[in-house]
Protein backbone atom coordinates (compact mmCIF):
# COMPACT_ATOMS: atom_id res chain seq x y z
CA MET A 1 329.61 43.24 75.64
CA ARG A 2 327.16 45.19 73.52
CA LEU A 3 327.14 48.57 72.53
CA ILE A 4 325.37 50.96 70.53
CA VAL A 5 326.01 54.36 68.43
CA LEU A 6 323.99 56.97 69.93
CA GLY A 7 324.54 59.33 67.22
CA SER A 8 327.89 60.33 65.10
CA GLY A 9 329.23 63.52 63.36
CA SER A 10 329.22 67.49 63.73
CA SER A 11 326.36 67.61 65.45
CA GLY A 12 327.24 65.86 68.21
CA ASN A 13 328.75 61.99 69.46
CA ALA A 14 327.66 59.63 71.68
CA LEU A 15 328.46 55.87 72.17
CA PHE A 16 327.00 53.77 75.00
CA ILE A 17 328.94 50.46 76.15
CA GLU A 18 328.44 48.25 78.46
CA ALA A 19 329.20 44.65 79.80
CA GLY A 20 327.66 43.10 82.64
CA GLU A 21 326.47 45.62 85.15
CA THR A 22 328.63 48.43 83.99
CA SER A 23 327.18 51.20 81.59
CA VAL A 24 329.69 53.90 80.22
CA LEU A 25 328.50 56.54 78.02
CA VAL A 26 331.51 57.51 75.90
CA ASP A 27 331.24 61.70 74.94
CA VAL A 28 327.84 63.33 74.85
CA GLY A 29 327.87 65.83 72.51
CA LEU A 30 324.40 65.80 71.89
CA SER A 31 322.26 67.83 74.44
CA ALA A 32 321.45 65.81 77.58
CA LYS A 33 317.60 65.58 76.60
CA GLU A 34 318.25 64.43 73.20
CA THR A 35 321.00 61.86 74.76
CA ALA A 36 318.60 60.66 77.22
CA ARG A 37 315.72 60.07 74.83
CA ARG A 38 317.75 57.94 72.16
CA MET A 39 318.98 56.20 75.26
CA SER A 40 315.18 55.61 76.21
CA GLU A 41 314.61 54.44 72.43
CA ALA A 42 317.30 52.11 72.87
CA GLY A 43 316.09 50.32 76.16
CA ILE A 44 318.65 51.91 78.02
CA ASP A 45 318.05 53.72 81.55
CA PRO A 46 319.94 56.43 81.69
CA ALA A 47 320.04 56.80 85.87
CA ARG A 48 321.44 53.30 85.81
CA LEU A 49 324.97 54.73 84.30
CA SER A 50 328.43 53.93 85.33
CA GLY A 51 330.42 56.75 84.03
CA ILE A 52 330.55 59.08 81.43
CA VAL A 53 333.96 59.21 79.60
CA VAL A 54 334.97 62.36 77.64
CA THR A 55 337.44 61.92 74.57
CA HIS A 56 338.19 65.30 74.13
CA GLU A 57 336.71 69.14 74.47
CA HIS A 58 334.89 69.85 71.35
CA ALA A 59 331.51 70.55 71.58
CA ASP A 60 330.12 67.91 69.36
CA HIS A 61 331.31 65.44 72.23
CA VAL A 62 331.19 67.63 75.59
CA LYS A 63 327.58 69.53 74.92
CA GLY A 64 325.28 67.47 77.05
CA VAL A 65 328.27 66.73 79.78
CA ARG A 66 327.24 68.85 82.33
CA VAL A 67 323.84 68.20 82.53
CA MET A 68 323.65 64.64 82.26
CA SER A 69 325.98 63.95 84.94
CA LYS A 70 323.76 66.27 87.26
CA THR A 71 320.93 64.72 85.98
CA VAL A 72 321.76 61.14 86.17
CA SER A 73 324.42 61.71 88.88
CA SER A 74 327.12 59.75 87.09
CA PRO A 75 330.78 59.94 87.50
CA VAL A 76 332.37 61.82 84.39
CA PHE A 77 335.90 60.51 83.48
CA ILE A 78 338.14 63.34 82.18
CA SER A 79 341.65 64.64 81.79
CA GLN A 80 342.60 67.31 83.80
CA ALA A 81 343.63 69.26 80.29
CA THR A 82 340.39 68.60 78.56
CA ARG A 83 338.47 69.61 81.91
CA ALA A 84 340.30 72.81 82.32
CA GLU A 85 339.82 73.38 78.28
CA CYS A 86 335.79 72.78 78.98
CA HIS A 87 335.97 75.61 81.56
CA PHE A 88 334.26 72.53 83.79
CA PRO A 89 335.39 72.97 87.30
CA ALA A 90 337.41 71.07 89.76
CA SER A 91 334.46 70.48 92.32
CA GLY A 92 330.81 72.00 92.93
CA ASP A 93 327.87 72.77 90.27
CA GLY A 94 326.73 69.41 90.50
CA ILE A 95 329.00 67.35 88.46
CA ARG A 96 330.51 64.13 89.91
CA TRP A 97 334.13 63.70 88.95
CA GLY A 98 335.41 60.05 88.75
CA GLU A 99 339.30 59.56 88.50
CA SER A 100 341.22 62.03 86.62
CA ILE A 101 342.33 60.22 83.12
CA SER A 102 344.74 61.15 80.07
CA SER A 103 345.68 59.84 76.56
CA SER A 104 348.63 57.64 77.87
CA GLN A 105 347.06 55.56 80.83
CA HIS A 106 344.76 52.72 81.15
CA PHE A 107 341.78 52.92 83.44
CA GLN A 108 338.99 50.79 84.42
CA ILE A 109 334.71 51.45 84.98
CA GLY A 110 333.57 48.51 86.60
CA SER A 111 334.42 45.34 84.24
CA LEU A 112 335.23 47.61 81.35
CA GLU A 113 338.91 47.90 80.89
CA PHE A 114 339.85 51.26 78.82
CA HIS A 115 343.10 51.56 77.09
CA PRO A 116 343.47 54.92 75.69
CA PHE A 117 346.17 56.58 73.29
CA THR A 118 347.21 59.47 71.80
CA ILE A 119 345.84 60.22 67.93
CA PRO A 120 346.73 63.54 65.58
CA HIS A 121 343.94 65.83 66.35
CA ASP A 122 343.81 69.88 67.42
CA GLY A 123 342.32 69.09 71.21
CA VAL A 124 344.85 69.62 73.92
CA ASP A 125 344.85 65.29 75.36
CA THR A 126 342.66 64.10 72.65
CA PHE A 127 342.58 60.10 72.51
CA ALA A 128 340.96 57.35 71.01
CA PHE A 129 340.73 54.05 73.18
CA THR A 130 340.00 49.94 72.84
CA VAL A 131 338.01 48.57 75.69
CA GLN A 132 338.12 45.20 76.84
CA ALA A 133 335.92 43.29 78.84
CA GLU A 134 334.85 39.13 79.07
CA GLY A 135 337.90 38.54 76.19
CA ILE A 136 336.11 41.11 73.72
CA LYS A 137 338.22 43.82 72.16
CA VAL A 138 336.48 46.82 70.53
CA GLY A 139 338.52 49.82 69.28
CA ILE A 140 337.09 53.57 68.97
CA VAL A 141 338.57 55.71 66.57
CA THR A 142 337.35 59.13 65.41
CA ASP A 143 338.96 62.64 65.16
CA LEU A 144 341.96 62.38 63.73
CA GLY A 145 344.40 63.51 60.67
CA TYR A 146 345.79 60.10 59.74
CA ILE A 147 346.40 56.69 61.11
CA THR A 148 349.42 56.76 62.44
CA GLN A 149 351.49 53.40 63.13
CA LEU A 150 350.15 53.45 67.01
CA VAL A 151 346.61 53.63 66.14
CA ALA A 152 347.31 50.57 63.37
CA GLU A 153 348.83 48.47 66.16
CA ARG A 154 345.71 49.22 68.76
CA LEU A 155 343.33 48.30 66.23
CA ARG A 156 344.48 44.64 65.56
CA ASP A 157 342.68 42.00 67.36
CA CYS A 158 340.18 43.75 67.79
CA ASP A 159 336.15 42.18 67.49
CA PHE A 160 334.56 45.32 66.56
CA VAL A 161 336.02 48.80 65.08
CA MET A 162 334.58 52.02 64.65
CA ILE A 163 336.53 54.14 62.60
CA GLU A 164 336.06 57.74 61.21
CA ALA A 165 335.05 58.55 57.71
CA ASN A 166 334.93 62.06 57.63
CA HIS A 167 334.72 63.72 54.24
CA ASP A 168 335.48 62.88 50.69
CA ARG A 169 338.27 64.56 49.59
CA ASP A 170 336.51 66.03 46.28
CA MET A 171 333.77 66.91 47.80
CA LEU A 172 335.77 68.85 50.80
CA LYS A 173 337.45 70.91 48.09
CA VAL A 174 334.35 72.19 46.49
CA GLY A 175 331.94 71.89 49.65
CA PRO A 176 330.87 75.18 51.03
CA TYR A 177 333.24 75.23 53.94
CA PRO A 178 335.16 78.45 54.50
CA TRP A 179 338.85 78.09 53.24
CA PRO A 180 340.41 78.35 56.95
CA LEU A 181 337.91 75.22 58.09
CA LYS A 182 338.71 73.31 54.43
CA GLN A 183 342.37 73.54 56.07
CA ARG A 184 341.82 72.48 59.40
CA ILE A 185 340.13 69.40 58.34
CA ALA A 186 342.26 67.83 55.63
CA SER A 187 345.02 68.81 58.12
CA SER A 188 347.01 66.29 59.75
CA THR A 189 345.43 66.89 62.78
CA GLY A 190 342.14 67.45 61.63
CA HIS A 191 339.86 64.79 60.32
CA LEU A 192 340.00 61.11 58.62
CA SER A 193 339.25 60.82 55.08
CA ASN A 194 337.08 58.00 53.13
CA ASP A 195 340.84 57.58 51.24
CA GLU A 196 342.62 57.41 54.65
CA MET A 197 340.36 55.24 56.12
CA ALA A 198 340.17 52.91 53.24
CA ARG A 199 343.48 52.77 53.04
CA TRP A 200 343.71 51.46 56.51
CA LEU A 201 341.55 48.80 55.23
CA THR A 202 343.56 47.99 52.39
CA GLU A 203 346.72 47.99 54.28
CA ASP A 204 346.42 47.31 58.37
CA PHE A 205 343.39 45.46 58.84
CA ASP A 206 343.61 42.52 60.12
CA GLY A 207 340.60 41.14 59.27
CA ARG A 208 339.18 40.10 62.63
CA ALA A 209 336.68 42.55 63.27
CA ALA A 210 333.24 41.24 62.58
CA HIS A 211 332.02 44.72 62.40
CA ILE A 212 333.17 47.93 61.47
CA VAL A 213 331.21 51.14 61.92
CA LEU A 214 332.17 54.09 59.69
CA ALA A 215 331.71 57.22 61.97
CA HIS A 216 331.64 61.18 62.20
CA LEU A 217 330.76 61.68 58.45
CA SER A 218 330.08 65.57 57.74
CA ARG A 219 326.99 65.90 56.07
CA GLN A 220 328.35 68.51 53.62
CA CYS A 221 331.31 66.89 52.30
CA ASN A 222 330.44 63.48 52.19
CA HIS A 223 327.98 60.82 51.98
CA PRO A 224 326.83 57.10 53.35
CA GLU A 225 327.10 55.71 50.22
CA LEU A 226 330.45 57.05 49.12
CA ALA A 227 331.76 56.58 52.23
CA ARG A 228 330.41 52.63 52.15
CA LEU A 229 331.78 52.06 48.37
CA SER A 230 335.23 53.37 49.74
CA ALA A 231 335.04 50.61 52.80
CA LEU A 232 333.92 47.91 50.70
CA GLN A 233 336.49 48.40 47.32
CA ALA A 234 338.93 48.67 50.08
CA LEU A 235 337.94 45.31 51.28
CA ALA A 236 337.70 44.05 48.11
CA ALA A 237 340.85 44.52 47.04
CA ARG A 238 342.35 42.17 50.34
CA GLY A 239 340.95 39.56 48.15
CA SER A 240 338.38 36.64 49.42
CA LEU A 241 339.42 36.58 52.73
CA PHE A 242 338.53 39.93 53.70
CA TYR A 243 335.37 40.39 51.95
CA PRO A 244 332.99 37.57 52.97
CA GLU A 245 329.59 39.57 54.11
CA ALA A 246 331.38 42.75 53.39
CA GLU A 247 327.97 44.03 53.10
CA GLN A 248 326.93 42.90 56.56
CA ARG A 249 330.37 44.27 58.17
CA ILE A 250 330.46 47.52 57.28
CA THR A 251 327.47 49.79 58.94
CA VAL A 252 327.53 53.80 58.80
CA ALA A 253 326.74 55.80 61.70
CA HIS A 254 324.44 59.10 61.35
CA HIS A 255 323.99 62.18 62.82
CA ASP A 256 320.27 61.75 63.69
CA ARG A 257 319.75 58.56 64.90
CA ALA A 258 321.26 55.37 66.34
CA THR A 259 322.66 52.49 64.90
CA GLN A 260 321.52 48.67 65.81
CA TRP A 261 322.85 46.77 68.71
CA PHE A 262 326.08 45.33 68.30
CA GLU A 263 326.53 42.46 70.62
CA PHE A 264 329.62 40.17 71.28
């Protein structure tokens, strides 16, 4: 299995995962053109996609879904509630639909086994997930207000974790957003703070994942080095068993470019 984060942030989210002959795009929050460009730069042929998975209806996750599906003729896997919220037609319009999915049912695309689970976010059926293939387990958790016991349980035994580190609480308080948006972001159904991400590392991380990617950083209310420092300090607090090679273990995903490839 290997994966690459094509972009992560409020301006657009997209993640590519492949195992063997199966390749899946998770969310298309960038334009289809920009997504295809970043895929091509990474050596990925968009025309060979096995499917597109949509985690929830917010624009930074679905902006390019319609055009991408039409362009590459790839099936879209989405829940009925999310599809209705996006006003995607049930048929026609050139979109290919895969099987209907939900936050509570496992599904499979080729050799990739997806295990979604509900997270606290203000979408109609928002889910995070683990995905498994060839004995490798990957955890993808973004767009949630706090880490529930279920989230902590599902992230155990993962070889790779992508987790949200959206904002620094102090920067959010004094930042440029209007007060209602600040309240939404900081709420239990909003976005994960650096502190909450670090709490997971301190209290619940089992130490297995060789790579931890910090994702969905706010450009106004966070800074990559602040998020990274929060993670490194949390690992250091766990002692020598968790801190070895921490500098290489932590990666920050950016909104304007892809990460490196992660291969397992």
